[in-house]
């Protein structure tokens, strides 16, 4: 009875969270942390935790499809993971190989138009994993409705360092001038990069850091970040919806900030223009005497007090500011 009540309460809460979400990120990146700690707490070995985490990954793909997320990047294996003991690495490589091939052959993957891409220093991986990567990429190359990036042997600093070295070689060889280096130059030399900049990073497992993950595409885009306590195998749909809500709240805050900056800019420009008009009128007053010998008034020159900031166009600026303050905020 208690389990049924909990299940009902969970469904009601998820529906409540869904109703609160209007804006969905295009690209979500996930740091799947806590597989090994989950396994230890269950009395199992690390490979068991990774297998449980793989099940969560499949559920997250379904949640992305339901909400309309277009791209998902998973931090499956970092460059630092190579330092783990062989008795842990070998089962993990077996799991990666198995899941890549299984996913590439799944009917629902092709029905949903999912394209699989690996990013990272893939040549460092064992041959069997590289073959599975190649198989998954070839099998899903024609799909174009959803992109799943699997970060394998990935390290953000290494990625940027390799790009910098490649650019330095091109400059040294005379193939480009230093002043020609721009954003596109760097992006062309990154790993087979995600299509879109990252809008939201999710990290499970309780740690509040992004661990060198997609620094160019996430930090450069000032992605929203959601940290949560559950281990990756325990990550639920409610956790995912709360992460999406965090992204939406950040977007609303940005919109308010942009509106407030725009209103401040309009006010500042109006003040400058009014001051310049007063100065010009003063010069004109000195040069153009009235026939009766009196000075030209500000009203006669069309710059009376009624034209000062706070009326006319400046009222429009005030309305922009007011609209920003009335926008719904984060809850």
Foldseek 3Di string as FASTA:
>chain_A
DVVVVVVVVVVVLLVVLVVLDDDFEQEEEEEQFDLQVVQVVVVHHSLVSVVLLVVLVVVVVVLCLVVVHAEYEYALAELVNVPDDPVNVVSSLVVLLVVLQVLLPDPVCVVQLEAEAEWAPLVVDDPSNSVSRVSSNVSRVPRRRHYYYYYHNHAQVVQQVQLVVVVVVCCVVVVDPPVVDDPVSSVVRGTVDDPAQHAEYEYEQQDDDPRRPCCCRDVVVVHHYHYYHHRSSPDDSSNVSVRRLSSVQVVLVVVLVVLLVVLVVVLVVQQVVLVVLVVVLVVVQVVDADPVRDTDDCVNVVNDPQSHQPDDVNVVSVVSNVVSVPDDHRD
